[in-house]
Amino acid sequence: MTTLSMATLIVCIITGILIGIAYEYLLWLSIKTLPKIKHKGLWLLFTTAARLFLLLFTAVVMAKENVARFLWIIFAFLVTRWIVINIAKNIKRKA
């Protein structure tokens, strides 16, 4: 079993949060430009693949062959997505 130092854990969590923010921002840009795109299905396929590549590539590079680091990055990413989705739902309800 691998143990992580507190500094490594913080770096993994911050990395996951930043990936989550970038992922949501790129999703927002994809949806915002969707009305201008002729081939909407291909656009959504391409942007989804690009966002997933961003997530996996960054997580794998930052994990440096350490499964615990990878899992913490993915966990922080998922928590960030959950928070952003809940914020968006609350904004939609108030509008």
C-alpha atoms as a PDB file:
ATOM      1  CA  MET A   1       0.000   0.000   0.000  1.00  0.00           C
ATOM      2  CA  THR A   2       1.245   3.445  -0.926  1.00  0.00           C
ATOM      3  CA  THR A   3       1.109   6.308   1.517  1.00  0.00           C
ATOM      4  CA  LEU A   4       1.002   9.895   0.360  1.00  0.00           C
ATOM      5  CA  SER A   5       2.535  12.856   2.110  1.00  0.00           C
ATOM      6  CA  MET A   6       0.219  15.726   2.993  1.00  0.00           C
ATOM      7  CA  ALA A   7       1.860  17.940   0.355  1.00  0.00           C
ATOM      8  CA  THR A   8       1.329  15.293  -2.342  1.00  0.00           C
ATOM      9  CA  LEU A   9      -2.282  14.846  -1.297  1.00  0.00           C
ATOM     10  CA  ILE A  10      -2.908  18.602  -1.480  1.00  0.00           C
ATOM     11  CA  VAL A  11      -1.297  18.776  -4.940  1.00  0.00           C
ATOM     12  CA  CYS A  12      -3.502  15.891  -6.133  1.00  0.00           C
ATOM     13  CA  ILE A  13      -6.657  17.533  -4.802  1.00  0.00           C
ATOM     14  CA  ILE A  14      -5.775  20.921  -6.313  1.00  0.00           C
ATOM     15  CA  THR A  15      -4.998  19.209  -9.630  1.00  0.00           C
ATOM     16  CA  GLY A  16      -8.371  17.464  -9.599  1.00  0.00           C
ATOM     17  CA  ILE A  17     -10.167  20.712  -8.778  1.00  0.00           C
ATOM     18  CA  LEU A  18      -8.401  22.563 -11.605  1.00  0.00           C
ATOM     19  CA  ILE A  19      -9.176  19.766 -14.066  1.00  0.00           C
ATOM     20  CA  GLY A  20     -12.815  19.865 -12.947  1.00  0.00           C
ATOM     21  CA  ILE A  21     -13.041  23.618 -13.456  1.00  0.00           C
ATOM     22  CA  ALA A  22     -11.388  23.374 -16.890  1.00  0.00           C
ATOM     23  CA  TYR A  23     -13.693  20.480 -17.840  1.00  0.00           C
ATOM     24  CA  GLU A  24     -16.829  22.426 -16.889  1.00  0.00           C
ATOM     25  CA  TYR A  25     -15.606  25.583 -18.621  1.00  0.00           C
ATOM     26  CA  LEU A  26     -14.884  23.668 -21.830  1.00  0.00           C
ATOM     27  CA  LEU A  27     -18.310  22.029 -21.591  1.00  0.00           C
ATOM     28  CA  TRP A  28     -19.898  25.465 -21.234  1.00  0.00           C
ATOM     29  CA  LEU A  29     -17.973  26.714 -24.292  1.00  0.00           C
ATOM     30  CA  SER A  30     -19.044  23.648 -26.277  1.00  0.00           C
ATOM     31  CA  ILE A  31     -22.710  24.204 -25.483  1.00  0.00           C
ATOM     32  CA  LYS A  32     -22.436  27.961 -26.060  1.00  0.00           C
ATOM     33  CA  THR A  33     -21.027  27.496 -29.581  1.00  0.00           C
ATOM     34  CA  LEU A  34     -23.396  24.629 -30.467  1.00  0.00           C
ATOM     35  CA  PRO A  35     -26.016  26.804 -32.263  1.00  0.00           C
ATOM     36  CA  LYS A  36     -23.319  28.062 -34.679  1.00  0.00           C
ATOM     37  CA  ILE A  37     -22.095  24.562 -35.613  1.00  0.00           C
ATOM     38  CA  LYS A  38     -23.419  22.775 -38.684  1.00  0.00           C
ATOM     39  CA  HIS A  39     -22.622  19.189 -37.588  1.00  0.00           C
ATOM     40  CA  LYS A  40     -23.753  19.253 -33.971  1.00  0.00           C
ATOM     41  CA  GLY A  41     -23.290  15.526 -33.327  1.00  0.00           C
ATOM     42  CA  LEU A  42     -19.688  15.543 -34.518  1.00  0.00           C
ATOM     43  CA  TRP A  43     -18.989  18.699 -32.506  1.00  0.00           C
ATOM     44  CA  LEU A  44     -20.334  17.139 -29.316  1.00  0.00           C
ATOM     45  CA  LEU A  45     -18.392  13.918 -29.974  1.00  0.00           C
ATOM     46  CA  PHE A  46     -15.156  15.819 -30.577  1.00  0.00           C
ATOM     47  CA  THR A  47     -15.499  18.120 -27.575  1.00  0.00           C
ATOM     48  CA  THR A  48     -16.433  15.236 -25.271  1.00  0.00           C
ATOM     49  CA  ALA A  49     -13.380  13.291 -26.440  1.00  0.00           C
ATOM     50  CA  ALA A  50     -11.183  16.373 -25.952  1.00  0.00           C
ATOM     51  CA  ARG A  51     -12.475  16.943 -22.400  1.00  0.00           C
ATOM     52  CA  LEU A  52     -11.987  13.288 -21.479  1.00  0.00           C
ATOM     53  CA  PHE A  53      -8.487  13.377 -22.948  1.00  0.00           C
ATOM     54  CA  LEU A  54      -7.725  16.471 -20.843  1.00  0.00           C
ATOM     55  CA  LEU A  55      -8.925  14.668 -17.719  1.00  0.00           C
ATOM     56  CA  LEU A  56      -7.166  11.357 -18.280  1.00  0.00           C
ATOM     57  CA  PHE A  57      -3.921  12.710 -19.716  1.00  0.00           C
ATOM     58  CA  THR A  58      -3.447  15.230 -16.927  1.00  0.00           C
ATOM     59  CA  ALA A  59      -4.398  12.726 -14.221  1.00  0.00           C
ATOM     60  CA  VAL A  60      -2.027  10.063 -15.572  1.00  0.00           C
ATOM     61  CA  VAL A  61       0.871  12.508 -15.986  1.00  0.00           C
ATOM     62  CA  MET A  62       0.377  13.991 -12.521  1.00  0.00           C
ATOM     63  CA  ALA A  63      -0.071  10.574 -10.888  1.00  0.00           C
ATOM     64  CA  LYS A  64       3.407   9.437 -12.011  1.00  0.00           C
ATOM     65  CA  GLU A  65       2.516   5.719 -11.935  1.00  0.00           C
ATOM     66  CA  ASN A  66       0.978   5.995  -8.467  1.00  0.00           C
ATOM     67  CA  VAL A  67      -2.587   4.665  -8.258  1.00  0.00           C
ATOM     68  CA  ALA A  68      -3.352   6.530  -5.032  1.00  0.00           C
ATOM     69  CA  ARG A  69      -2.450   9.870  -6.618  1.00  0.00           C
ATOM     70  CA  PHE A  70      -4.570   9.044  -9.667  1.00  0.00           C
ATOM     71  CA  LEU A  71      -7.572   8.134  -7.521  1.00  0.00           C
ATOM     72  CA  TRP A  72      -7.303  11.320  -5.437  1.00  0.00           C
ATOM     73  CA  ILE A  73      -7.152  13.423  -8.611  1.00  0.00           C
ATOM     74  CA  ILE A  74     -10.232  11.669 -10.021  1.00  0.00           C
ATOM     75  CA  PHE A  75     -12.032  11.991  -6.668  1.00  0.00           C
ATOM     76  CA  ALA A  76     -11.349  15.746  -6.496  1.00  0.00           C
ATOM     77  CA  PHE A  77     -12.482  16.082 -10.124  1.00  0.00           C
ATOM     78  CA  LEU A  78     -15.771  14.293  -9.386  1.00  0.00           C
ATOM     79  CA  VAL A  79     -16.416  16.368  -6.260  1.00  0.00           C
ATOM     80  CA  THR A  80     -15.749  19.553  -8.239  1.00  0.00           C
ATOM     81  CA  ARG A  81     -18.177  18.454 -10.964  1.00  0.00           C
ATOM     82  CA  TRP A  82     -20.813  17.658  -8.350  1.00  0.00           C
ATOM     83  CA  ILE A  83     -20.414  21.084  -6.745  1.00  0.00           C
ATOM     84  CA  VAL A  84     -20.575  22.931 -10.082  1.00  0.00           C
ATOM     85  CA  ILE A  85     -23.670  20.975 -11.166  1.00  0.00           C
ATOM     86  CA  ASN A  86     -25.435  21.764  -7.873  1.00  0.00           C
ATOM     87  CA  ILE A  87     -24.535  25.444  -8.165  1.00  0.00           C
ATOM     88  CA  ALA A  88     -25.913  25.488 -11.710  1.00  0.00           C
ATOM     89  CA  LYS A  89     -29.140  23.833 -10.558  1.00  0.00           C
ATOM     90  CA  ASN A  90     -29.583  26.425  -7.821  1.00  0.00           C
ATOM     91  CA  ILE A  91     -28.975  29.277 -10.248  1.00  0.00           C
ATOM     92  CA  LYS A  92     -31.513  27.796 -12.682  1.00  0.00           C
ATOM     93  CA  ARG A  93     -34.145  27.494  -9.907  1.00  0.00           C
ATOM     94  CA  LYS A  94     -33.695  31.120  -8.862  1.00  0.00           C
ATOM     95  CA  ALA A  95     -33.964  32.423 -12.449  1.00  0.00           C
END
